[in-house]
C-alpha atoms as a PDB file:
ATOM      1  CA  MET A   1      19.106 -11.849   2.590  1.00  0.00           C
ATOM      2  CA  ALA A   2      18.525  -9.202   5.170  1.00  0.00           C
ATOM      3  CA  MET A   3      20.808  -6.094   5.449  1.00  0.00           C
ATOM      4  CA  ASN A   4      21.961  -7.189   8.911  1.00  0.00           C
ATOM      5  CA  SER A   5      22.036  -9.983  11.350  1.00  0.00           C
ATOM      6  CA  LEU A   6      21.908 -10.321  15.015  1.00  0.00           C
ATOM      7  CA  LYS A   7      25.487  -9.940  16.290  1.00  0.00           C
ATOM      8  CA  ASN A   8      24.918 -11.946  19.468  1.00  0.00           C
ATOM      9  CA  PRO A   9      22.109 -14.464  18.985  1.00  0.00           C
ATOM     10  CA  TYR A  10      20.443 -15.557  22.130  1.00  0.00           C
ATOM     11  CA  ASN A  11      18.069 -18.438  22.904  1.00  0.00           C
ATOM     12  CA  ILE A  12      15.363 -18.484  25.639  1.00  0.00           C
ATOM     13  CA  PRO A  13      14.365 -22.238  26.446  1.00  0.00           C
ATOM     14  CA  ILE A  14      10.665 -23.115  25.710  1.00  0.00           C
ATOM     15  CA  GLY A  15       8.769 -22.956  28.917  1.00  0.00           C
ATOM     16  CA  SER A  16      10.710 -20.202  30.369  1.00  0.00           C
ATOM     17  CA  TRP A  17       8.997 -17.211  32.052  1.00  0.00           C
ATOM     18  CA  ILE A  18       9.701 -13.673  31.315  1.00  0.00           C
ATOM     19  CA  LYS A  19       8.713 -11.222  33.892  1.00  0.00           C
ATOM     20  CA  GLY A  20       8.456  -7.463  33.153  1.00  0.00           C
ATOM     21  CA  LYS A  21      10.599  -5.231  35.366  1.00  0.00           C
ATOM     22  CA  TRP A  22       8.109  -2.351  35.517  1.00  0.00           C
ATOM     23  CA  HIS A  23       4.741  -3.742  34.764  1.00  0.00           C
ATOM     24  CA  ASN A  24       5.123  -7.304  36.348  1.00  0.00           C
ATOM     25  CA  ASN A  25       3.359  -9.044  33.506  1.00  0.00           C
ATOM     26  CA  ARG A  26       4.543 -12.614  33.058  1.00  0.00           C
ATOM     27  CA  TYR A  27       4.953 -14.360  29.852  1.00  0.00           C
ATOM     28  CA  GLN A  28       5.646 -17.939  29.197  1.00  0.00           C
ATOM     29  CA  ILE A  29       7.725 -18.845  25.988  1.00  0.00           C
ATOM     30  CA  GLN A  30       6.193 -21.178  23.708  1.00  0.00           C
ATOM     31  CA  ARG A  31       8.488 -21.188  20.526  1.00  0.00           C
ATOM     32  CA  GLU A  32      10.591 -18.983  18.561  1.00  0.00           C
ATOM     33  CA  LEU A  33       8.782 -17.279  15.705  1.00  0.00           C
ATOM     34  CA  GLY A  34      11.555 -15.589  13.884  1.00  0.00           C
ATOM     35  CA  ARG A  35      15.045 -14.041  14.228  1.00  0.00           C
ATOM     36  CA  GLY A  36      15.861 -10.679  12.321  1.00  0.00           C
ATOM     37  CA  ALA A  37      18.367  -7.859  12.304  1.00  0.00           C
ATOM     38  CA  ASN A  38      17.214  -6.297  15.430  1.00  0.00           C
ATOM     39  CA  GLY A  39      15.867  -9.014  17.665  1.00  0.00           C
ATOM     40  CA  VAL A  40      14.078 -12.263  18.204  1.00  0.00           C
ATOM     41  CA  VAL A  41      10.405 -12.809  18.271  1.00  0.00           C
ATOM     42  CA  TYR A  42       8.839 -15.409  20.306  1.00  0.00           C
ATOM     43  CA  LEU A  43       5.259 -16.906  20.800  1.00  0.00           C
ATOM     44  CA  ALA A  44       4.259 -16.563  24.298  1.00  0.00           C
ATOM     45  CA  GLU A  45       1.265 -17.173  26.556  1.00  0.00           C
ATOM     46  CA  TRP A  46      -0.059 -14.327  28.649  1.00  0.00           C
ATOM     47  CA  ASN A  47      -3.175 -14.989  30.995  1.00  0.00           C
ATOM     48  CA  GLY A  48      -4.306 -17.796  28.467  1.00  0.00           C
ATOM     49  CA  ARG A  49      -3.920 -15.659  25.466  1.00  0.00           C
ATOM     50  CA  LYS A  50      -1.257 -16.174  22.752  1.00  0.00           C
ATOM     51  CA  VAL A  51       0.929 -13.146  22.205  1.00  0.00           C
ATOM     52  CA  ALA A  52       4.134 -12.260  20.269  1.00  0.00           C
ATOM     53  CA  VAL A  53       7.092 -11.038  22.130  1.00  0.00           C
ATOM     54  CA  LYS A  54      10.170  -9.334  20.541  1.00  0.00           C
ATOM     55  CA  MET A  55      13.265  -9.164  22.509  1.00  0.00           C
ATOM     56  CA  SER A  56      16.184  -6.996  21.829  1.00  0.00           C
ATOM     57  CA  GLU A  57      19.427  -5.761  23.592  1.00  0.00           C
ATOM     58  CA  THR A  58      18.911  -2.208  22.393  1.00  0.00           C
ATOM     59  CA  HIS A  59      16.201   0.164  23.830  1.00  0.00           C
ATOM     60  CA  TYR A  60      16.553   2.070  20.505  1.00  0.00           C
ATOM     61  CA  THR A  61      15.051  -0.812  18.597  1.00  0.00           C
ATOM     62  CA  VAL A  62      12.167  -1.423  20.939  1.00  0.00           C
ATOM     63  CA  THR A  63      11.379   2.457  21.114  1.00  0.00           C
ATOM     64  CA  SER A  64      11.535   2.804  17.533  1.00  0.00           C
ATOM     65  CA  GLU A  65       9.185  -0.010  16.657  1.00  0.00           C
ATOM     66  CA  THR A  66       6.723   0.540  19.393  1.00  0.00           C
ATOM     67  CA  ASN A  67       6.405   4.098  18.037  1.00  0.00           C
ATOM     68  CA  VAL A  68       5.550   2.417  14.701  1.00  0.00           C
ATOM     69  CA  LEU A  69       2.902   0.319  16.389  1.00  0.00           C
ATOM     70  CA  LYS A  70       1.408   3.355  18.115  1.00  0.00           C
ATOM     71  CA  ALA A  71       1.209   5.232  14.816  1.00  0.00           C
ATOM     72  CA  LEU A  72      -0.623   2.296  13.285  1.00  0.00           C
ATOM     73  CA  SER A  73      -3.061   2.124  15.964  1.00  0.00           C
ATOM     74  CA  LYS A  74      -3.743   5.925  15.347  1.00  0.00           C
ATOM     75  CA  ALA A  75      -4.230   5.496  11.734  1.00  0.00           C
ATOM     76  CA  GLN A  76      -7.797   4.879  11.152  1.00  0.00           C
ATOM     77  CA  GLY A  77      -8.755   2.188   8.762  1.00  0.00           C
ATOM     78  CA  VAL A  78      -5.231   0.421   8.895  1.00  0.00           C
ATOM     79  CA  THR A  79      -5.229  -3.131  10.273  1.00  0.00           C
ATOM     80  CA  LEU A  80      -1.949  -4.121   8.519  1.00  0.00           C
ATOM     81  CA  GLY A  81       0.326  -4.358  11.456  1.00  0.00           C
ATOM     82  CA  PRO A  82      -0.229  -5.940  14.897  1.00  0.00           C
ATOM     83  CA  SER A  83      -1.702  -4.046  17.971  1.00  0.00           C
ATOM     84  CA  LEU A  84       0.757  -3.111  20.822  1.00  0.00           C
ATOM     85  CA  LEU A  85       0.066  -4.729  24.182  1.00  0.00           C
ATOM     86  CA  ASP A  86       3.000  -4.104  26.485  1.00  0.00           C
ATOM     87  CA  VAL A  87       6.573  -2.514  26.554  1.00  0.00           C
ATOM     88  CA  ASP A  88       8.993  -3.403  29.352  1.00  0.00           C
ATOM     89  CA  ASP A  89      12.546  -4.753  30.442  1.00  0.00           C
ATOM     90  CA  TRP A  90      13.598  -8.058  31.395  1.00  0.00           C
ATOM     91  CA  GLU A  91      16.666  -8.993  33.541  1.00  0.00           C
ATOM     92  CA  SER A  92      18.401 -12.481  33.163  1.00  0.00           C
ATOM     93  CA  GLY A  93      21.567 -12.831  35.005  1.00  0.00           C
ATOM     94  CA  ASN A  94      23.816 -10.196  34.195  1.00  0.00           C
ATOM     95  CA  ARG A  95      21.898  -9.228  30.925  1.00  0.00           C
ATOM     96  CA  LYS A  96      19.287  -6.960  30.490  1.00  0.00           C
ATOM     97  CA  TYR A  97      16.791  -7.057  27.369  1.00  0.00           C
ATOM     98  CA  ALA A  98      14.112  -4.619  26.195  1.00  0.00           C
ATOM     99  CA  PHE A  99      11.116  -6.242  24.934  1.00  0.00           C
ATOM    100  CA  TYR A 100       7.580  -5.467  23.653  1.00  0.00           C
ATOM    101  CA  VAL A 101       4.410  -7.501  23.477  1.00  0.00           C
ATOM    102  CA  MET A 102       2.085  -7.458  20.471  1.00  0.00           C
ATOM    103  CA  GLU A 103      -0.789  -9.155  19.090  1.00  0.00           C
ATOM    104  CA  TYR A 104      -0.236 -12.530  17.756  1.00  0.00           C
ATOM    105  CA  ILE A 105      -1.582 -12.736  14.206  1.00  0.00           C
ATOM    106  CA  GLU A 106      -2.644 -16.212  13.410  1.00  0.00           C
ATOM    107  CA  GLY A 107      -2.931 -17.023   9.644  1.00  0.00           C
ATOM    108  CA  GLU A 108      -1.262 -18.646   6.638  1.00  0.00           C
ATOM    109  CA  GLN A 109       2.009 -17.151   5.129  1.00  0.00           C
ATOM    110  CA  PHE A 110       1.393 -15.130   2.022  1.00  0.00           C
ATOM    111  CA  LEU A 111       3.039 -17.395  -0.586  1.00  0.00           C
ATOM    112  CA  GLN A 112       1.699 -20.587   0.970  1.00  0.00           C
ATOM    113  CA  PHE A 113      -1.886 -19.096   0.708  1.00  0.00           C
ATOM    114  CA  ILE A 114      -1.437 -18.108  -2.950  1.00  0.00           C
ATOM    115  CA  ILE A 115       0.012 -21.598  -3.883  1.00  0.00           C
ATOM    116  CA  ARG A 116      -2.773 -23.206  -2.118  1.00  0.00           C
ATOM    117  CA  LYS A 117      -5.640 -21.150  -3.143  1.00  0.00           C
ATOM    118  CA  GLY A 118      -4.336 -19.908  -6.581  1.00  0.00           C
ATOM    119  CA  THR A 119      -3.197 -16.544  -7.964  1.00  0.00           C
ATOM    120  CA  ILE A 120      -6.819 -15.619  -8.458  1.00  0.00           C
ATOM    121  CA  TRP A 121      -6.413 -14.270  -4.777  1.00  0.00           C
ATOM    122  CA  LEU A 122      -3.519 -12.155  -5.707  1.00  0.00           C
ATOM    123  CA  ASP A 123      -5.718  -9.299  -7.134  1.00  0.00           C
ATOM    124  CA  ILE A 124      -7.865  -9.091  -3.845  1.00  0.00           C
ATOM    125  CA  LEU A 125      -4.911  -9.272  -1.455  1.00  0.00           C
ATOM    126  CA  ILE A 126      -2.804  -6.771  -3.179  1.00  0.00           C
ATOM    127  CA  LEU A 127      -5.846  -4.294  -3.498  1.00  0.00           C
ATOM    128  CA  GLN A 128      -6.191  -4.499   0.306  1.00  0.00           C
ATOM    129  CA  LEU A 129      -2.402  -4.047   0.812  1.00  0.00           C
ATOM    130  CA  LEU A 130      -2.447  -0.884  -1.318  1.00  0.00           C
ATOM    131  CA  SER A 131      -5.361   0.595   0.516  1.00  0.00           C
ATOM    132  CA  ASP A 132      -3.611   0.068   3.861  1.00  0.00           C
ATOM    133  CA  LEU A 133      -0.180   1.478   2.565  1.00  0.00           C
ATOM    134  CA  GLN A 134      -2.144   4.658   1.337  1.00  0.00           C
ATOM    135  CA  ILE A 135      -3.048   5.479   4.791  1.00  0.00           C
ATOM    136  CA  PHE A 136       0.121   4.309   6.325  1.00  0.00           C
ATOM    137  CA  HIS A 137       2.093   6.680   3.934  1.00  0.00           C
ATOM    138  CA  ARG A 138      -0.287   9.550   4.738  1.00  0.00           C
ATOM    139  CA  ASN A 139       0.603   9.260   8.321  1.00  0.00           C
ATOM    140  CA  GLY A 140       4.309   9.648   7.454  1.00  0.00           C
ATOM    141  CA  TRP A 141       5.697   6.096   7.353  1.00  0.00           C
ATOM    142  CA  VAL A 142       7.124   3.750   4.883  1.00  0.00           C
ATOM    143  CA  PHE A 143       7.215  -0.030   5.699  1.00  0.00           C
ATOM    144  CA  GLY A 144      10.627  -0.579   4.128  1.00  0.00           C
ATOM    145  CA  ASP A 145      11.263  -4.297   4.536  1.00  0.00           C
ATOM    146  CA  LEU A 146       7.894  -5.310   2.773  1.00  0.00           C
ATOM    147  CA  LYS A 147       8.146  -9.021   1.559  1.00  0.00           C
ATOM    148  CA  PRO A 148       5.941 -12.113   1.629  1.00  0.00           C
ATOM    149  CA  ASP A 149       7.821 -13.488   4.511  1.00  0.00           C
ATOM    150  CA  ASN A 150       6.433 -10.717   6.645  1.00  0.00           C
ATOM    151  CA  LEU A 151       2.885 -11.021   5.490  1.00  0.00           C
ATOM    152  CA  ILE A 152       0.182 -13.351   6.861  1.00  0.00           C
ATOM    153  CA  VAL A 153      -3.354 -14.064   5.431  1.00  0.00           C
ATOM    154  CA  THR A 154      -5.905 -14.445   8.209  1.00  0.00           C
ATOM    155  CA  SER A 155      -9.212 -16.132   7.626  1.00  0.00           C
ATOM    156  CA  LEU A 156     -12.792 -14.975   8.675  1.00  0.00           C
ATOM    157  CA  PRO A 157     -12.415 -12.427   7.057  1.00  0.00           C
ATOM    158  CA  VAL A 158      -9.547 -13.113   4.598  1.00  0.00           C
ATOM    159  CA  LYS A 159      -7.248 -10.177   5.311  1.00  0.00           C
ATOM    160  CA  LEU A 160      -3.507  -9.282   4.625  1.00  0.00           C
ATOM    161  CA  ARG A 161      -1.629  -8.613   7.648  1.00  0.00           C
ATOM    162  CA  CYS A 162       2.163  -7.691   8.459  1.00  0.00           C
ATOM    163  CA  ILE A 163       3.752  -9.435  11.262  1.00  0.00           C
ATOM    164  CA  ASP A 164       7.055  -7.480  11.273  1.00  0.00           C
ATOM    165  CA  VAL A 165       7.362  -3.737  11.472  1.00  0.00           C
ATOM    166  CA  GLY A 166      11.140  -3.756  12.006  1.00  0.00           C
ATOM    167  CA  GLY A 167      12.067  -1.986   8.768  1.00  0.00           C
ATOM    168  CA  THR A 168       9.435   0.763   8.999  1.00  0.00           C
ATOM    169  CA  THR A 169      10.957   4.056   8.472  1.00  0.00           C
ATOM    170  CA  GLN A 170       9.742   7.555   8.656  1.00  0.00           C
ATOM    171  CA  ILE A 171       9.258   9.325   5.184  1.00  0.00           C
ATOM    172  CA  GLY A 172      12.372  11.178   4.217  1.00  0.00           C
ATOM    173  CA  ARG A 173      14.882   9.094   6.133  1.00  0.00           C
ATOM    174  CA  ALA A 174      17.086   6.263   4.778  1.00  0.00           C
ATOM    175  CA  ILE A 175      15.661   2.718   4.764  1.00  0.00           C
ATOM    176  CA  LYS A 176      16.858   0.989   7.885  1.00  0.00           C
ATOM    177  CA  GLU A 177      16.194  -2.638   6.927  1.00  0.00           C
ATOM    178  CA  PHE A 178      15.592  -4.356   3.779  1.00  0.00           C
ATOM    179  CA  THR A 179      15.693  -7.687   1.949  1.00  0.00           C
ATOM    180  CA  GLU A 180      17.591  -7.560  -1.338  1.00  0.00           C
ATOM    181  CA  PHE A 181      15.029  -9.283  -3.739  1.00  0.00           C
ATOM    182  CA  PHE A 182      12.399  -6.471  -2.784  1.00  0.00           C
ATOM    183  CA  ASP A 183      14.833  -3.552  -2.682  1.00  0.00           C
ATOM    184  CA  ARG A 184      15.017  -1.190  -5.461  1.00  0.00           C
ATOM    185  CA  GLY A 185      18.617  -0.208  -4.525  1.00  0.00           C
ATOM    186  CA  TYR A 186      19.673  -3.760  -5.165  1.00  0.00           C
ATOM    187  CA  TRP A 187      18.253  -3.670  -8.650  1.00  0.00           C
ATOM    188  CA  GLU A 188      19.811  -0.286  -9.274  1.00  0.00           C
ATOM    189  CA  LEU A 189      16.355   1.215  -9.854  1.00  0.00           C
ATOM    190  CA  GLY A 190      16.298   3.962  -7.108  1.00  0.00           C
ATOM    191  CA  SER A 191      17.563   5.015  -3.930  1.00  0.00           C
ATOM    192  CA  ARG A 192      17.106   3.608  -0.403  1.00  0.00           C
ATOM    193  CA  ARG A 193      15.222   6.892   0.663  1.00  0.00           C
ATOM    194  CA  ALA A 194      11.988   6.171   2.537  1.00  0.00           C
ATOM    195  CA  GLU A 195       9.234   7.322   0.229  1.00  0.00           C
ATOM    196  CA  PRO A 196       5.873   5.645  -0.974  1.00  0.00           C
ATOM    197  CA  SER A 197       7.493   4.630  -4.178  1.00  0.00           C
ATOM    198  CA  TYR A 198       9.978   2.607  -2.308  1.00  0.00           C
ATOM    199  CA  ASP A 199       7.059   0.380  -0.914  1.00  0.00           C
ATOM    200  CA  LEU A 200       5.312   0.243  -4.217  1.00  0.00           C
ATOM    201  CA  PHE A 201       8.580  -1.163  -5.746  1.00  0.00           C
ATOM    202  CA  ALA A 202       8.308  -3.917  -3.183  1.00  0.00           C
ATOM    203  CA  VAL A 203       4.622  -4.536  -3.906  1.00  0.00           C
ATOM    204  CA  ALA A 204       5.464  -5.225  -7.510  1.00  0.00           C
ATOM    205  CA  MET A 205       8.193  -7.581  -6.376  1.00  0.00           C
ATOM    206  CA  VAL A 206       5.738  -9.396  -4.119  1.00  0.00           C
ATOM    207  CA  MET A 207       3.447  -9.780  -7.081  1.00  0.00           C
ATOM    208  CA  MET A 208       6.379 -11.328  -9.124  1.00  0.00           C
ATOM    209  CA  ASN A 209       7.313 -13.587  -6.203  1.00  0.00           C
ATOM    210  CA  ALA A 210       3.779 -14.912  -6.345  1.00  0.00           C
ATOM    211  CA  TYR A 211       4.702 -16.321  -9.848  1.00  0.00           C
ATOM    212  CA  TYR A 212       8.243 -17.049  -8.921  1.00  0.00           C
ATOM    213  CA  PRO A 213       8.034 -18.663  -5.445  1.00  0.00           C
ATOM    214  CA  ASN A 214      11.795 -19.540  -5.320  1.00  0.00           C
ATOM    215  CA  ARG A 215      12.606 -15.963  -6.527  1.00  0.00           C
ATOM    216  CA  PHE A 216      15.561 -15.550  -8.959  1.00  0.00           C
ATOM    217  CA  PRO A 217      18.984 -14.290  -8.753  1.00  0.00           C
ATOM    218  CA  LYS A 218      20.014 -10.756 -10.158  1.00  0.00           C
ATOM    219  CA  LYS A 219      22.225 -11.223 -13.286  1.00  0.00           C
ATOM    220  CA  LYS A 220      22.461  -7.458 -13.807  1.00  0.00           C
ATOM    221  CA  GLY A 221      21.007  -4.252 -12.688  1.00  0.00           C
ATOM    222  CA  GLY A 222      18.319  -2.167 -14.280  1.00  0.00           C
ATOM    223  CA  ILE A 223      14.842  -3.042 -15.528  1.00  0.00           C
ATOM    224  CA  GLU A 224      15.741  -5.477 -18.553  1.00  0.00           C
ATOM    225  CA  GLN A 225      15.944  -8.702 -16.533  1.00  0.00           C
ATOM    226  CA  LEU A 226      12.644  -7.869 -14.631  1.00  0.00           C
ATOM    227  CA  LYS A 227      10.953  -7.281 -17.916  1.00  0.00           C
ATOM    228  CA  GLN A 228      12.030 -10.649 -19.206  1.00  0.00           C
ATOM    229  CA  MET A 229      11.039 -12.427 -16.041  1.00  0.00           C
ATOM    230  CA  ILE A 230       7.520 -10.739 -16.361  1.00  0.00           C
ATOM    231  CA  VAL A 231       6.859 -11.861 -19.827  1.00  0.00           C
ATOM    232  CA  GLN A 232       8.020 -15.548 -19.097  1.00  0.00           C
ATOM    233  CA  ARG A 233       4.905 -16.055 -16.873  1.00  0.00           C
ATOM    234  CA  GLU A 234       1.599 -15.920 -18.532  1.00  0.00           C
ATOM    235  CA  GLY A 235      -0.412 -14.931 -15.439  1.00  0.00           C
ATOM    236  CA  LEU A 236       2.085 -12.310 -14.663  1.00  0.00           C
ATOM    237  CA  LYS A 237       2.122 -10.904 -17.966  1.00  0.00           C
ATOM    238  CA  ARG A 238      -1.349  -9.372 -17.673  1.00  0.00           C
ATOM    239  CA  TYR A 239       0.072  -7.078 -14.878  1.00  0.00           C
ATOM    240  CA  GLU A 240       3.002  -6.079 -16.888  1.00  0.00           C
ATOM    241  CA  GLN A 241       2.054  -2.273 -17.319  1.00  0.00           C
ATOM    242  CA  VAL A 242       1.258  -1.839 -13.621  1.00  0.00           C
ATOM    243  CA  ILE A 243       4.321  -3.724 -12.360  1.00  0.00           C
ATOM    244  CA  LEU A 244       6.646  -1.959 -14.636  1.00  0.00           C
ATOM    245  CA  ARG A 245       5.305   1.534 -13.573  1.00  0.00           C
ATOM    246  CA  ALA A 246       5.880   0.525  -9.947  1.00  0.00           C
ATOM    247  CA  LEU A 247       9.365  -0.819 -10.677  1.00  0.00           C
ATOM    248  CA  THR A 248      10.467   2.356 -12.467  1.00  0.00           C
ATOM    249  CA  GLY A 249       9.093   4.718  -9.640  1.00  0.00           C
ATOM    250  CA  GLN A 250       6.012   6.198 -11.771  1.00  0.00           C
ATOM    251  CA  TYR A 251       3.743   5.632  -8.965  1.00  0.00           C
ATOM    252  CA  LYS A 252       3.966   8.423  -6.217  1.00  0.00           C
ATOM    253  CA  GLN A 253       0.950   7.141  -4.188  1.00  0.00           C
ATOM    254  CA  ALA A 254      -0.479   3.782  -3.364  1.00  0.00           C
ATOM    255  CA  THR A 255      -3.975   4.950  -4.706  1.00  0.00           C
ATOM    256  CA  GLU A 256      -2.492   5.373  -8.232  1.00  0.00           C
ATOM    257  CA  MET A 257      -1.206   1.892  -8.323  1.00  0.00           C
ATOM    258  CA  ARG A 258      -4.541   0.622  -6.860  1.00  0.00           C
ATOM    259  CA  LYS A 259      -6.548   2.418  -9.441  1.00  0.00           C
ATOM    260  CA  ASP A 260      -4.665   0.976 -12.406  1.00  0.00           C
ATOM    261  CA  LEU A 261      -4.768  -2.493 -10.799  1.00  0.00           C
ATOM    262  CA  LEU A 262      -8.490  -2.203 -10.376  1.00  0.00           C
ATOM    263  CA  ASP A 263      -8.946  -1.016 -14.035  1.00  0.00           C
ATOM    264  CA  LEU A 264      -6.667  -3.641 -15.259  1.00  0.00           C
ATOM    265  CA  THR A 265      -8.246  -6.548 -13.496  1.00  0.00           C
ATOM    266  CA  ALA A 266     -11.859  -5.299 -13.973  1.00  0.00           C
ATOM    267  CA  LEU A 267     -12.376  -5.914 -10.289  1.00  0.00           C
ATOM    268  CA  LYS A 268     -13.934  -2.435  -9.878  1.00  0.00           C
ATOM    269  CA  GLY A 269     -17.600  -3.695 -10.176  1.00  0.00           C
ATOM    270  CA  THR A 270     -18.327  -7.026 -11.703  1.00  0.00           C
ATOM    271  CA  LYS A 271     -15.769  -9.379 -10.483  1.00  0.00           C
ATOM    272  CA  ILE A 272     -15.842  -8.361  -6.859  1.00  0.00           C
ATOM    273  CA  SER A 273     -19.615  -8.362  -6.946  1.00  0.00           C
ATOM    274  CA  SER A 274     -19.508 -11.728  -8.658  1.00  0.00           C
ATOM    275  CA  PHE A 275     -17.069 -13.048  -6.136  1.00  0.00           C
ATOM    276  CA  ARG A 276     -19.203 -11.976  -3.151  1.00  0.00           C
ATOM    277  CA  SER A 277     -22.403 -13.201  -4.961  1.00  0.00           C
ATOM    278  CA  THR A 278     -20.696 -16.657  -5.558  1.00  0.00           C
ATOM    279  CA  LYS A 279     -19.615 -16.777  -1.970  1.00  0.00           C
ATOM    280  CA  LYS A 280     -23.199 -15.957  -0.759  1.00  0.00           C
ATOM    281  CA  ASN A 281     -24.671 -18.376  -3.018  1.00  0.00           C
ATOM    282  CA  ILE A 282     -22.438 -21.192  -1.802  1.00  0.00           C
ATOM    283  CA  VAL A 283     -23.270 -20.243   1.730  1.00  0.00           C
ATOM    284  CA  ARG A 284     -26.906 -20.193   0.960  1.00  0.00           C
ATOM    285  CA  THR A 285     -26.831 -23.480  -0.722  1.00  0.00           C
ATOM    286  CA  GLN A 286     -25.082 -25.052   2.263  1.00  0.00           C
ATOM    287  CA  ARG A 287     -27.727 -23.737   4.599  1.00  0.00           C
ATOM    288  CA  LYS A 288     -30.513 -24.978   2.294  1.00  0.00           C
ATOM    289  CA  LYS A 289     -28.826 -28.436   2.354  1.00  0.00           C
ATOM    290  CA  LYS A 290     -28.460 -28.346   6.136  1.00  0.00           C
ATOM    291  CA  ARG A 291     -32.094 -27.388   6.591  1.00  0.00           C
ATOM    292  CA  LYS A 292     -33.260 -30.053   4.210  1.00  0.00           C
ATOM    293  CA  ILE A 293     -31.258 -32.785   5.958  1.00  0.00           C
ATOM    294  CA  THR A 294     -32.544 -31.484   9.331  1.00  0.00           C
ATOM    295  CA  GLY A 295     -36.129 -31.519   8.100  1.00  0.00           C
ATOM    296  CA  VAL A 296     -35.720 -35.111   6.908  1.00  0.00           C
ATOM    297  CA  ILE A 297     -34.269 -36.272  10.179  1.00  0.00           C
ATOM    298  CA  GLU A 298     -37.124 -34.494  12.102  1.00  0.00           C
ATOM    299  CA  THR A 299     -39.652 -36.201   9.913  1.00  0.00           C
ATOM    300  CA  ILE A 300     -38.162 -39.708  10.528  1.00  0.00           C
ATOM    301  CA  LEU A 301     -38.101 -38.964  14.327  1.00  0.00           C
ATOM    302  CA  ILE A 302     -41.861 -37.829  14.231  1.00  0.00           C
ATOM    303  CA  LEU A 303     -42.822 -40.897  12.282  1.00  0.00           C
ATOM    304  CA  LEU A 304     -40.963 -43.288  14.765  1.00  0.00           C
ATOM    305  CA  ILE A 305     -42.618 -41.580  17.815  1.00  0.00           C
ATOM    306  CA  ILE A 306     -45.995 -41.854  16.129  1.00  0.00           C
ATOM    307  CA  GLY A 307     -45.340 -45.488  15.359  1.00  0.00           C
ATOM    308  CA  PHE A 308     -44.257 -46.119  18.737  1.00  0.00           C
ATOM    309  CA  LEU A 309     -47.264 -44.549  20.280  1.00  0.00           C
ATOM    310  CA  TYR A 310     -49.658 -46.205  18.049  1.00  0.00           C
ATOM    311  CA  GLY A 311     -48.029 -49.577  18.783  1.00  0.00           C
ATOM    312  CA  PHE A 312     -48.359 -48.893  22.393  1.00  0.00           C
ATOM    313  CA  TYR A 313     -52.003 -48.002  21.936  1.00  0.00           C
ATOM    314  CA  ILE A 314     -52.766 -51.253  20.115  1.00  0.00           C
ATOM    315  CA  TYR A 315     -50.903 -53.199  22.770  1.00  0.00           C
ATOM    316  CA  ALA A 316     -52.857 -51.594  25.645  1.00  0.00           C
ATOM    317  CA  ARG A 317     -56.269 -52.402  23.900  1.00  0.00           C
ATOM    318  CA  ILE A 318     -55.419 -55.917  23.349  1.00  0.00           C
ATOM    319  CA  GLY A 319     -54.048 -56.327  26.859  1.00  0.00           C
END
């Protein structure tokens, strides 16, 4: 459950056009993507391109979140969040809305991807996440409301992306938006001060969520219940030491957690190489099969053509 809810929810009919007051860009609403504490996000079309439009009744929300997206764009190597495309106002009747337009990230929701593909992908995706978080933290920001609902897995290449930066907070300030299951304050395991360890607690809970897709209710504060939930899942138990260190705030940087996860899963060399090698072998085999089939078809066509020409030659001589 999110910390806040939109006090005055509003709906924009599908097919409606939104025209920016200052930049005159026009966006046609396709459907609602999500409704959160600070606004509503819609899928829209702009010049034949799919985009995500976030509407809010407060300019503060739009200014705050667009500042985050601008900071993300300046952080080299980070592709976690969407890119910012436009910021404007929209007037409808007597009401005025601030909005911004961002890249629409197409992909599969994190938990659905893990359920479909298997937890073998958890190592790879969490390592990606920790790499991006390290750069993000170094630039002075904490994601805050980090949870599977906000994470999308894209294909070609497989990449973990965040579709909502509404909870992002500058380091040192109070977390402005959170979801209880992923909040260390809810579990009585730390403050809601924006610092890297706050995000790393959430990463550990994301890993637990992968093995408990329906999550679980809090029975008491502290670490004991979470310890019990870890050992009750065989696959999760192998991450026990890494998860416990993250839950108890022992990691101060994402690189520390990433190193331990690499060491634990033995992905540092052999498995990643093996994974890439296996993938290359599959592609190579598929190409060979395709070439073989193509070669057979070509041979048959050549034989048919030769047979036709020979038959025509015989017929011409007899005639």
